[in-house]
Amino acid sequence: PLGVFSFTILSNAVLAGLVYPLVLAVRNLPRAELTPAM
């Protein structure tokens, strides 16, 4: 509704960035190291 496309791009980018920690955690799980760094 706001109609500001640059803000839409930025909010999409934030959502994409939030997915990345989950991807890292899944990739690190086979190493069986439970640490915040994963």
Full PDB file with SEQRES, HELIX, SHEET, SSBOND, CRYST1, ORIGX, SCALE, CONECT and MASTER records, all heavy atoms in Angstrom:
SEQRES   1 A   38  PRO LEU GLY VAL PHE SER PHE THR ILE LEU SER ASN ALA          
SEQRES   2 A   38  VAL LEU ALA GLY LEU VAL TYR PRO LEU VAL LEU ALA VAL          
SEQRES   3 A   38  ARG ASN LEU PRO ARG ALA GLU LEU THR PRO ALA MET              
HELIX    1 AA1 PHE A    5  ASN A   28  1                                  24    
HELIX    2 AA2 LEU A   29  ARG A   31  5                                   3    
CRYST1    1.000    1.000    1.000  90.00  90.00  90.00 P 1           1          
ORIGX1      1.000000  0.000000  0.000000        0.00000                         
ORIGX2      0.000000  1.000000  0.000000        0.00000                         
ORIGX3      0.000000  0.000000  1.000000        0.00000                         
SCALE1      1.000000  0.000000  0.000000        0.00000                         
SCALE2      0.000000  1.000000  0.000000        0.00000                         
SCALE3      0.000000  0.000000  1.000000        0.00000                         
ATOM      1  N   PRO A   1       0.811  -1.229   0.000  1.00  0.00           N  
ATOM      2  CA  PRO A   1       0.000   0.000   0.000  1.00  0.00           C  
ATOM      3  C   PRO A   1       0.839   1.271   0.000  1.00  0.00           C  
ATOM      4  O   PRO A   1       0.431   2.278  -0.588  1.00  0.00           O  
ATOM      5  CB  PRO A   1      -0.820  -0.123   1.292  1.00  0.00           C  
ATOM      6  CG  PRO A   1      -0.876  -1.579   1.578  1.00  0.00           C  
ATOM      7  CD  PRO A   1       0.429  -2.142   1.098  1.00  0.00           C  
ATOM      8  N   LEU A   2       2.009   1.236   0.641  1.00  0.00           N  
ATOM      9  CA  LEU A   2       2.842   2.429   0.687  1.00  0.00           C  
ATOM     10  C   LEU A   2       3.279   2.853  -0.711  1.00  0.00           C  
ATOM     11  O   LEU A   2       3.379   4.046  -1.000  1.00  0.00           O  
ATOM     12  CB  LEU A   2       4.069   2.185   1.576  1.00  0.00           C  
ATOM     13  CG  LEU A   2       5.038   3.351   1.768  1.00  0.00           C  
ATOM     14  CD1 LEU A   2       4.341   4.530   2.432  1.00  0.00           C  
ATOM     15  CD2 LEU A   2       6.253   2.911   2.583  1.00  0.00           C  
ATOM     16  N   GLY A   3       3.533   1.874  -1.575  1.00  0.00           N  
ATOM     17  CA  GLY A   3       3.847   2.177  -2.958  1.00  0.00           C  
ATOM     18  C   GLY A   3       5.250   2.680  -3.212  1.00  0.00           C  
ATOM     19  O   GLY A   3       5.545   3.160  -4.310  1.00  0.00           O  
ATOM     20  N   VAL A   4       6.140   2.581  -2.236  1.00  0.00           N  
ATOM     21  CA  VAL A   4       7.533   3.008  -2.408  1.00  0.00           C  
ATOM     22  C   VAL A   4       8.351   1.769  -2.766  1.00  0.00           C  
ATOM     23  O   VAL A   4       8.623   0.923  -1.913  1.00  0.00           O  
ATOM     24  CB  VAL A   4       8.074   3.683  -1.136  1.00  0.00           C  
ATOM     25  CG1 VAL A   4       9.524   4.110  -1.335  1.00  0.00           C  
ATOM     26  CG2 VAL A   4       7.210   4.877  -0.761  1.00  0.00           C  
ATOM     27  N   PHE A   5       8.744   1.673  -4.027  1.00  0.00           N  
ATOM     28  CA  PHE A   5       9.352   0.434  -4.503  1.00  0.00           C  
ATOM     29  C   PHE A   5      10.724   0.183  -3.880  1.00  0.00           C  
ATOM     30  O   PHE A   5      11.087  -0.963  -3.622  1.00  0.00           O  
ATOM     31  CB  PHE A   5       9.472   0.475  -6.029  1.00  0.00           C  
ATOM     32  CG  PHE A   5       9.715  -0.872  -6.641  1.00  0.00           C  
ATOM     33  CD1 PHE A   5       8.793  -1.901  -6.506  1.00  0.00           C  
ATOM     34  CD2 PHE A   5      10.873  -1.127  -7.370  1.00  0.00           C  
ATOM     35  CE1 PHE A   5       9.017  -3.147  -7.072  1.00  0.00           C  
ATOM     36  CE2 PHE A   5      11.106  -2.361  -7.940  1.00  0.00           C  
ATOM     37  CZ  PHE A   5      10.177  -3.380  -7.791  1.00  0.00           C  
ATOM     38  N   SER A   6      11.492   1.233  -3.633  1.00  0.00           N  
ATOM     39  CA  SER A   6      12.805   1.038  -3.016  1.00  0.00           C  
ATOM     40  C   SER A   6      12.658   0.431  -1.618  1.00  0.00           C  
ATOM     41  O   SER A   6      13.498  -0.375  -1.189  1.00  0.00           O  
ATOM     42  CB  SER A   6      13.571   2.359  -2.933  1.00  0.00           C  
ATOM     43  OG  SER A   6      12.843   3.327  -2.195  1.00  0.00           O  
ATOM     44  N   PHE A   7      11.596   0.791  -0.909  1.00  0.00           N  
ATOM     45  CA  PHE A   7      11.358   0.215   0.415  1.00  0.00           C  
ATOM     46  C   PHE A   7      10.971  -1.257   0.291  1.00  0.00           C  
ATOM     47  O   PHE A   7      11.363  -2.085   1.125  1.00  0.00           O  
ATOM     48  CB  PHE A   7      10.262   0.985   1.142  1.00  0.00           C  
ATOM     49  CG  PHE A   7      10.162   0.655   2.609  1.00  0.00           C  
ATOM     50  CD1 PHE A   7      11.046   1.208   3.514  1.00  0.00           C  
ATOM     51  CD2 PHE A   7       9.204  -0.228   3.071  1.00  0.00           C  
ATOM     52  CE1 PHE A   7      10.978   0.895   4.860  1.00  0.00           C  
ATOM     53  CE2 PHE A   7       9.124  -0.552   4.420  1.00  0.00           C  
ATOM     54  CZ  PHE A   7      10.017   0.015   5.320  1.00  0.00           C  
ATOM     55  N   THR A   8      10.213  -1.606  -0.752  1.00  0.00           N  
ATOM     56  CA  THR A   8       9.879  -3.006  -1.012  1.00  0.00           C  
ATOM     57  C   THR A   8      11.135  -3.824  -1.270  1.00  0.00           C  
ATOM     58  O   THR A   8      11.303  -4.928  -0.751  1.00  0.00           O  
ATOM     59  CB  THR A   8       8.921  -3.110  -2.216  1.00  0.00           C  
ATOM     60  OG1 THR A   8       7.619  -2.692  -1.814  1.00  0.00           O  
ATOM     61  CG2 THR A   8       8.823  -4.541  -2.740  1.00  0.00           C  
ATOM     62  N   ILE A   9      12.048  -3.278  -2.077  1.00  0.00           N  
ATOM     63  CA  ILE A   9      13.306  -3.980  -2.354  1.00  0.00           C  
ATOM     64  C   ILE A   9      14.085  -4.202  -1.062  1.00  0.00           C  
ATOM     65  O   ILE A   9      14.627  -5.292  -0.819  1.00  0.00           O  
ATOM     66  CB  ILE A   9      14.155  -3.178  -3.358  1.00  0.00           C  
ATOM     67  CG1 ILE A   9      13.436  -3.064  -4.705  1.00  0.00           C  
ATOM     68  CG2 ILE A   9      15.523  -3.835  -3.552  1.00  0.00           C  
ATOM     69  CD1 ILE A   9      14.092  -2.090  -5.668  1.00  0.00           C  
ATOM     70  N   LEU A  10      14.136  -3.170  -0.233  1.00  0.00           N  
ATOM     71  CA  LEU A  10      14.886  -3.264   1.016  1.00  0.00           C  
ATOM     72  C   LEU A  10      14.265  -4.278   1.967  1.00  0.00           C  
ATOM     73  O   LEU A  10      14.981  -5.073   2.591  1.00  0.00           O  
ATOM     74  CB  LEU A  10      14.958  -1.893   1.675  1.00  0.00           C  
ATOM     75  CG  LEU A  10      15.845  -1.759   2.917  1.00  0.00           C  
ATOM     76  CD1 LEU A  10      17.269  -2.186   2.612  1.00  0.00           C  
ATOM     77  CD2 LEU A  10      15.829  -0.321   3.436  1.00  0.00           C  
ATOM     78  N   SER A  11      12.936  -4.291   2.087  1.00  0.00           N  
ATOM     79  CA  SER A  11      12.282  -5.258   2.975  1.00  0.00           C  
ATOM     80  C   SER A  11      12.453  -6.675   2.451  1.00  0.00           C  
ATOM     81  O   SER A  11      12.657  -7.628   3.216  1.00  0.00           O  
ATOM     82  CB  SER A  11      10.798  -4.924   3.154  1.00  0.00           C  
ATOM     83  OG  SER A  11      10.082  -5.062   1.940  1.00  0.00           O  
ATOM     84  N   ASN A  12      12.405  -6.844   1.124  1.00  0.00           N  
ATOM     85  CA  ASN A  12      12.680  -8.162   0.534  1.00  0.00           C  
ATOM     86  C   ASN A  12      14.102  -8.612   0.845  1.00  0.00           C  
ATOM     87  O   ASN A  12      14.354  -9.788   1.131  1.00  0.00           O  
ATOM     88  CB  ASN A  12      12.489  -8.113  -0.980  1.00  0.00           C  
ATOM     89  CG  ASN A  12      11.040  -8.100  -1.406  1.00  0.00           C  
ATOM     90  OD1 ASN A  12      10.134  -8.184  -0.574  1.00  0.00           O  
ATOM     91  ND2 ASN A  12      10.796  -7.974  -2.701  1.00  0.00           N  
ATOM     92  N   ALA A  13      15.045  -7.664   0.780  1.00  0.00           N  
ATOM     93  CA  ALA A  13      16.444  -7.994   1.049  1.00  0.00           C  
ATOM     94  C   ALA A  13      16.636  -8.446   2.495  1.00  0.00           C  
ATOM     95  O   ALA A  13      17.395  -9.377   2.779  1.00  0.00           O  
ATOM     96  CB  ALA A  13      17.334  -6.783   0.752  1.00  0.00           C  
ATOM     97  N   VAL A  14      15.933  -7.781   3.413  1.00  0.00           N  
ATOM     98  CA  VAL A  14      16.027  -8.166   4.825  1.00  0.00           C  
ATOM     99  C   VAL A  14      15.489  -9.587   5.017  1.00  0.00           C  
ATOM    100  O   VAL A  14      16.085 -10.396   5.743  1.00  0.00           O  
ATOM    101  CB  VAL A  14      15.263  -7.165   5.705  1.00  0.00           C  
ATOM    102  CG1 VAL A  14      15.161  -7.674   7.140  1.00  0.00           C  
ATOM    103  CG2 VAL A  14      15.946  -5.802   5.680  1.00  0.00           C  
ATOM    104  N   LEU A  15      14.366  -9.908   4.369  1.00  0.00           N  
ATOM    105  CA  LEU A  15      13.818 -11.259   4.469  1.00  0.00           C  
ATOM    106  C   LEU A  15      14.789 -12.286   3.891  1.00  0.00           C  
ATOM    107  O   LEU A  15      14.980 -13.371   4.460  1.00  0.00           O  
ATOM    108  CB  LEU A  15      12.478 -11.346   3.735  1.00  0.00           C  
ATOM    109  CG  LEU A  15      11.301 -10.606   4.388  1.00  0.00           C  
ATOM    110  CD1 LEU A  15      10.057 -10.750   3.524  1.00  0.00           C  
ATOM    111  CD2 LEU A  15      11.032 -11.135   5.799  1.00  0.00           C  
ATOM    112  N   ALA A  16      15.408 -11.959   2.759  1.00  0.00           N  
ATOM    113  CA  ALA A  16      16.392 -12.868   2.167  1.00  0.00           C  
ATOM    114  C   ALA A  16      17.574 -13.065   3.109  1.00  0.00           C  
ATOM    115  O   ALA A  16      18.105 -14.177   3.243  1.00  0.00           O  
ATOM    116  CB  ALA A  16      16.872 -12.323   0.826  1.00  0.00           C  
ATOM    117  N   GLY A  17      17.985 -11.991   3.778  1.00  0.00           N  
ATOM    118  CA  GLY A  17      19.083 -12.104   4.730  1.00  0.00           C  
ATOM    119  C   GLY A  17      18.740 -12.944   5.940  1.00  0.00           C  
ATOM    120  O   GLY A  17      19.609 -13.618   6.511  1.00  0.00           O  
ATOM    121  N   LEU A  18      17.455 -12.945   6.341  1.00  0.00           N  
ATOM    122  CA  LEU A  18      17.039 -13.742   7.500  1.00  0.00           C  
ATOM    123  C   LEU A  18      17.033 -15.238   7.189  1.00  0.00           C  
ATOM    124  O   LEU A  18      17.174 -16.071   8.091  1.00  0.00           O  
ATOM    125  CB  LEU A  18      15.640 -13.309   7.947  1.00  0.00           C  
ATOM    126  CG  LEU A  18      15.534 -11.911   8.558  1.00  0.00           C  
ATOM    127  CD1 LEU A  18      14.078 -11.581   8.866  1.00  0.00           C  
ATOM    128  CD2 LEU A  18      16.376 -11.802   9.825  1.00  0.00           C  
ATOM    129  N   VAL A  19      16.860 -15.582   5.928  1.00  0.00           N  
ATOM    130  CA  VAL A  19      16.857 -16.991   5.540  1.00  0.00           C  
ATOM    131  C   VAL A  19      18.259 -17.586   5.627  1.00  0.00           C  
ATOM    132  O   VAL A  19      18.434 -18.770   5.926  1.00  0.00           O  
ATOM    133  CB  VAL A  19      16.284 -17.152   4.119  1.00  0.00           C  
ATOM    134  CG1 VAL A  19      16.472 -18.579   3.595  1.00  0.00           C  
ATOM    135  CG2 VAL A  19      14.809 -16.780   4.095  1.00  0.00           C  
ATOM    136  N   TYR A  20      19.269 -16.753   5.397  1.00  0.00           N  
ATOM    137  CA  TYR A  20      20.631 -17.257   5.296  1.00  0.00           C  
ATOM    138  C   TYR A  20      21.129 -17.977   6.554  1.00  0.00           C  
ATOM    139  O   TYR A  20      21.781 -19.028   6.447  1.00  0.00           O  
ATOM    140  CB  TYR A  20      21.581 -16.115   4.924  1.00  0.00           C  
ATOM    141  CG  TYR A  20      22.921 -16.594   4.454  1.00  0.00           C  
ATOM    142  CD1 TYR A  20      23.038 -17.368   3.303  1.00  0.00           C  
ATOM    143  CD2 TYR A  20      24.077 -16.303   5.169  1.00  0.00           C  
ATOM    144  CE1 TYR A  20      24.265 -17.830   2.874  1.00  0.00           C  
ATOM    145  CE2 TYR A  20      25.305 -16.749   4.745  1.00  0.00           C  
ATOM    146  CZ  TYR A  20      25.396 -17.508   3.589  1.00  0.00           C  
ATOM    147  OH  TYR A  20      26.611 -17.974   3.174  1.00  0.00           O  
ATOM    148  N   PRO A  21      20.853 -17.471   7.777  1.00  0.00           N  
ATOM    149  CA  PRO A  21      21.289 -18.218   8.969  1.00  0.00           C  
ATOM    150  C   PRO A  21      20.707 -19.630   9.041  1.00  0.00           C  
ATOM    151  O   PRO A  21      21.385 -20.553   9.510  1.00  0.00           O  
ATOM    152  CB  PRO A  21      20.790 -17.352  10.132  1.00  0.00           C  
ATOM    153  CG  PRO A  21      20.713 -15.981   9.565  1.00  0.00           C  
ATOM    154  CD  PRO A  21      20.286 -16.155   8.142  1.00  0.00           C  
ATOM    155  N   LEU A  22      19.479 -19.805   8.568  1.00  0.00           N  
ATOM    156  CA  LEU A  22      18.882 -21.147   8.570  1.00  0.00           C  
ATOM    157  C   LEU A  22      19.600 -22.057   7.584  1.00  0.00           C  
ATOM    158  O   LEU A  22      19.830 -23.237   7.864  1.00  0.00           O  
ATOM    159  CB  LEU A  22      17.391 -21.049   8.224  1.00  0.00           C  
ATOM    160  CG  LEU A  22      16.536 -20.228   9.197  1.00  0.00           C  
ATOM    161  CD1 LEU A  22      15.087 -20.181   8.723  1.00  0.00           C  
ATOM    162  CD2 LEU A  22      16.611 -20.813  10.606  1.00  0.00           C  
ATOM    163  N   VAL A  23      19.966 -21.493   6.426  1.00  0.00           N  
ATOM    164  CA  VAL A  23      20.718 -22.282   5.445  1.00  0.00           C  
ATOM    165  C   VAL A  23      22.057 -22.707   6.019  1.00  0.00           C  
ATOM    166  O   VAL A  23      22.490 -23.856   5.863  1.00  0.00           O  
ATOM    167  CB  VAL A  23      20.908 -21.469   4.153  1.00  0.00           C  
ATOM    168  CG1 VAL A  23      21.811 -22.210   3.165  1.00  0.00           C  
ATOM    169  CG2 VAL A  23      19.559 -21.175   3.499  1.00  0.00           C  
ATOM    170  N   LEU A  24      22.720 -21.777   6.705  1.00  0.00           N  
ATOM    171  CA  LEU A  24      24.008 -22.107   7.329  1.00  0.00           C  
ATOM    172  C   LEU A  24      23.856 -23.206   8.372  1.00  0.00           C  
ATOM    173  O   LEU A  24      24.670 -24.133   8.443  1.00  0.00           O  
ATOM    174  CB  LEU A  24      24.611 -20.860   7.974  1.00  0.00           C  
ATOM    175  CG  LEU A  24      25.296 -19.858   7.063  1.00  0.00           C  
ATOM    176  CD1 LEU A  24      25.695 -18.624   7.866  1.00  0.00           C  
ATOM    177  CD2 LEU A  24      26.513 -20.462   6.394  1.00  0.00           C  
ATOM    178  N   ALA A  25      22.830 -23.101   9.201  1.00  0.00           N  
ATOM    179  CA  ALA A  25      22.623 -24.089  10.256  1.00  0.00           C  
ATOM    180  C   ALA A  25      22.406 -25.480   9.663  1.00  0.00           C  
ATOM    181  O   ALA A  25      22.959 -26.470  10.161  1.00  0.00           O  
ATOM    182  CB  ALA A  25      21.434 -23.691  11.121  1.00  0.00           C  
ATOM    183  N   VAL A  26      21.620 -25.569   8.602  1.00  0.00           N  
ATOM    184  CA  VAL A  26      21.370 -26.862   7.956  1.00  0.00           C  
ATOM    185  C   VAL A  26      22.666 -27.430   7.382  1.00  0.00           C  
ATOM    186  O   VAL A  26      22.944 -28.626   7.497  1.00  0.00           O  
ATOM    187  CB  VAL A  26      20.296 -26.711   6.861  1.00  0.00           C  
ATOM    188  CG1 VAL A  26      20.197 -27.984   6.026  1.00  0.00           C  
ATOM    189  CG2 VAL A  26      18.951 -26.389   7.478  1.00  0.00           C  
ATOM    190  N   ARG A  27      23.470 -26.568   6.778  1.00  0.00           N  
ATOM    191  CA  ARG A  27      24.737 -27.031   6.209  1.00  0.00           C  
ATOM    192  C   ARG A  27      25.716 -27.482   7.289  1.00  0.00           C  
ATOM    193  O   ARG A  27      26.520 -28.398   7.078  1.00  0.00           O  
ATOM    194  CB  ARG A  27      25.383 -25.914   5.387  1.00  0.00           C  
ATOM    195  CG  ARG A  27      24.663 -25.605   4.088  1.00  0.00           C  
ATOM    196  CD  ARG A  27      25.425 -24.565   3.291  1.00  0.00           C  
ATOM    197  NE  ARG A  27      26.780 -25.002   2.985  1.00  0.00           N  
ATOM    198  CZ  ARG A  27      27.679 -24.249   2.370  1.00  0.00           C  
ATOM    199  NH1 ARG A  27      27.376 -23.001   2.039  1.00  0.00           N  
ATOM    200  NH2 ARG A  27      28.887 -24.703   2.108  1.00  0.00           N  
ATOM    201  N   ASN A  28      25.647 -26.844   8.459  1.00  0.00           N  
ATOM    202  CA  ASN A  28      26.591 -27.166   9.533  1.00  0.00           C  
ATOM    203  C   ASN A  28      26.145 -28.344  10.393  1.00  0.00           C  
ATOM    204  O   ASN A  28      26.955 -28.899  11.148  1.00  0.00           O  
ATOM    205  CB  ASN A  28      26.797 -25.944  10.432  1.00  0.00           C  
ATOM    206  CG  ASN A  28      27.611 -24.848   9.757  1.00  0.00           C  
ATOM    207  OD1 ASN A  28      28.534 -25.139   8.994  1.00  0.00           O  
ATOM    208  ND2 ASN A  28      27.278 -23.600  10.029  1.00  0.00           N  
ATOM    209  N   LEU A  29      24.877 -28.736  10.304  1.00  0.00           N  
ATOM    210  CA  LEU A  29      24.376 -29.837  11.135  1.00  0.00           C  
ATOM    211  C   LEU A  29      25.153 -31.141  10.958  1.00  0.00           C  
ATOM    212  O   LEU A  29      25.430 -31.830  11.953  1.00  0.00           O  
ATOM    213  CB  LEU A  29      22.889 -30.068  10.857  1.00  0.00           C  
ATOM    214  CG  LEU A  29      21.909 -29.210  11.660  1.00  0.00           C  
ATOM    215  CD1 LEU A  29      20.477 -29.498  11.222  1.00  0.00           C  
ATOM    216  CD2 LEU A  29      22.072 -29.448  13.164  1.00  0.00           C  
ATOM    217  N   PRO A  30      25.518 -31.554   9.735  1.00  0.00           N  
ATOM    218  CA  PRO A  30      26.260 -32.812   9.598  1.00  0.00           C  
ATOM    219  C   PRO A  30      27.582 -32.852  10.350  1.00  0.00           C  
ATOM    220  O   PRO A  30      28.113 -33.932  10.613  1.00  0.00           O  
ATOM    221  CB  PRO A  30      26.488 -32.917   8.080  1.00  0.00           C  
ATOM    222  CG  PRO A  30      25.377 -32.125   7.481  1.00  0.00           C  
ATOM    223  CD  PRO A  30      25.155 -30.989   8.435  1.00  0.00           C  
ATOM    224  N   ARG A  31      28.120 -31.685  10.700  1.00  0.00           N  
ATOM    225  CA  ARG A  31      29.374 -31.653  11.454  1.00  0.00           C  
ATOM    226  C   ARG A  31      29.161 -31.962  12.930  1.00  0.00           C  
ATOM    227  O   ARG A  31      30.119 -32.129  13.677  1.00  0.00           O  
ATOM    228  CB  ARG A  31      30.027 -30.276  11.317  1.00  0.00           C  
ATOM    229  CG  ARG A  31      30.401 -29.926   9.880  1.00  0.00           C  
ATOM    230  CD  ARG A  31      31.158 -28.606   9.830  1.00  0.00           C  
ATOM    231  NE  ARG A  31      31.609 -28.321   8.479  1.00  0.00           N  
ATOM    232  CZ  ARG A  31      30.931 -27.580   7.614  1.00  0.00           C  
ATOM    233  NH1 ARG A  31      29.769 -27.054   7.975  1.00  0.00           N  
ATOM    234  NH2 ARG A  31      31.402 -27.362   6.406  1.00  0.00           N  
ATOM    235  N   ALA A  32      27.890 -32.014  13.348  1.00  0.00           N  
ATOM    236  CA  ALA A  32      27.520 -32.381  14.720  1.00  0.00           C  
ATOM    237  C   ALA A  32      28.162 -31.466  15.754  1.00  0.00           C  
ATOM    238  O   ALA A  32      28.514 -31.887  16.845  1.00  0.00           O  
ATOM    239  CB  ALA A  32      27.900 -33.838  15.006  1.00  0.00           C  
ATOM    240  N   GLU A  33      28.332 -30.189  15.379  1.00  0.00           N  
ATOM    241  CA  GLU A  33      28.868 -29.206  16.318  1.00  0.00           C  
ATOM    242  C   GLU A  33      27.761 -28.214  16.646  1.00  0.00           C  
ATOM    243  O   GLU A  33      27.408 -27.380  15.826  1.00  0.00           O  
ATOM    244  CB  GLU A  33      30.067 -28.478  15.715  1.00  0.00           C  
ATOM    245  CG  GLU A  33      31.268 -29.384  15.485  1.00  0.00           C  
ATOM    246  CD  GLU A  33      32.476 -28.575  15.024  1.00  0.00           C  
ATOM    247  OE1 GLU A  33      32.909 -27.684  15.783  1.00  0.00           O  
ATOM    248  OE2 GLU A  33      32.977 -28.838  13.933  1.00  0.00           O  
ATOM    249  N   LEU A  34      27.195 -28.327  17.843  1.00  0.00           N  
ATOM    250  CA  LEU A  34      26.123 -27.430  18.257  1.00  0.00           C  
ATOM    251  C   LEU A  34      26.733 -26.212  18.929  1.00  0.00           C  
ATOM    252  O   LEU A  34      27.193 -26.273  20.071  1.00  0.00           O  
ATOM    253  CB  LEU A  34      25.159 -28.152  19.195  1.00  0.00           C  
ATOM    254  CG  LEU A  34      24.469 -29.385  18.610  1.00  0.00           C  
ATOM    255  CD1 LEU A  34      23.544 -30.024  19.636  1.00  0.00           C  
ATOM    256  CD2 LEU A  34      23.698 -29.022  17.345  1.00  0.00           C  
ATOM    257  N   THR A  35      26.766 -25.117  18.198  1.00  0.00           N  
ATOM    258  CA  THR A  35      27.381 -23.886  18.676  1.00  0.00           C  
ATOM    259  C   THR A  35      26.628 -22.719  18.072  1.00  0.00           C  
ATOM    260  O   THR A  35      26.066 -22.834  16.970  1.00  0.00           O  
ATOM    261  CB  THR A  35      28.875 -23.819  18.263  1.00  0.00           C  
ATOM    262  OG1 THR A  35      29.358 -22.488  18.469  1.00  0.00           O  
ATOM    263  CG2 THR A  35      29.060 -24.188  16.807  1.00  0.00           C  
ATOM    264  N   PRO A  36      26.585 -21.575  18.763  1.00  0.00           N  
ATOM    265  CA  PRO A  36      25.929 -20.407  18.166  1.00  0.00           C  
ATOM    266  C   PRO A  36      26.527 -20.020  16.822  1.00  0.00           C  
ATOM    267  O   PRO A  36      25.843 -19.434  15.980  1.00  0.00           O  
ATOM    268  CB  PRO A  36      26.158 -19.313  19.210  1.00  0.00           C  
ATOM    269  CG  PRO A  36      26.364 -20.042  20.499  1.00  0.00           C  
ATOM    270  CD  PRO A  36      27.048 -21.317  20.130  1.00  0.00           C  
ATOM    271  N   ALA A  37      27.797 -20.364  16.612  1.00  0.00           N  
ATOM    272  CA  ALA A  37      28.463 -19.996  15.365  1.00  0.00           C  
ATOM    273  C   ALA A  37      27.855 -20.694  14.160  1.00  0.00           C  
ATOM    274  O   ALA A  37      27.993 -20.218  13.032  1.00  0.00           O  
ATOM    275  CB  ALA A  37      29.953 -20.319  15.456  1.00  0.00           C  
ATOM    276  N   MET A  38      27.163 -21.825  14.368  1.00  0.00           N  
ATOM    277  CA  MET A  38      26.623 -22.577  13.242  1.00  0.00           C  
ATOM    278  C   MET A  38      25.521 -21.817  12.512  1.00  0.00           C  
ATOM    279  O   MET A  38      25.210 -22.125  11.361  1.00  0.00           O  
ATOM    280  CB  MET A  38      26.088 -23.932  13.715  1.00  0.00           C  
ATOM    281  CG  MET A  38      24.851 -23.853  14.595  1.00  0.00           C  
ATOM    282  SD  MET A  38      24.367 -25.477  15.252  1.00  0.00           S  
ATOM    283  CE  MET A  38      23.943 -26.348  13.744  1.00  0.00           C  
TER     284      MET A  38                                                      
MASTER        0    0    0    2    0    0    0    6  283    1    0    3          
END                                                                             
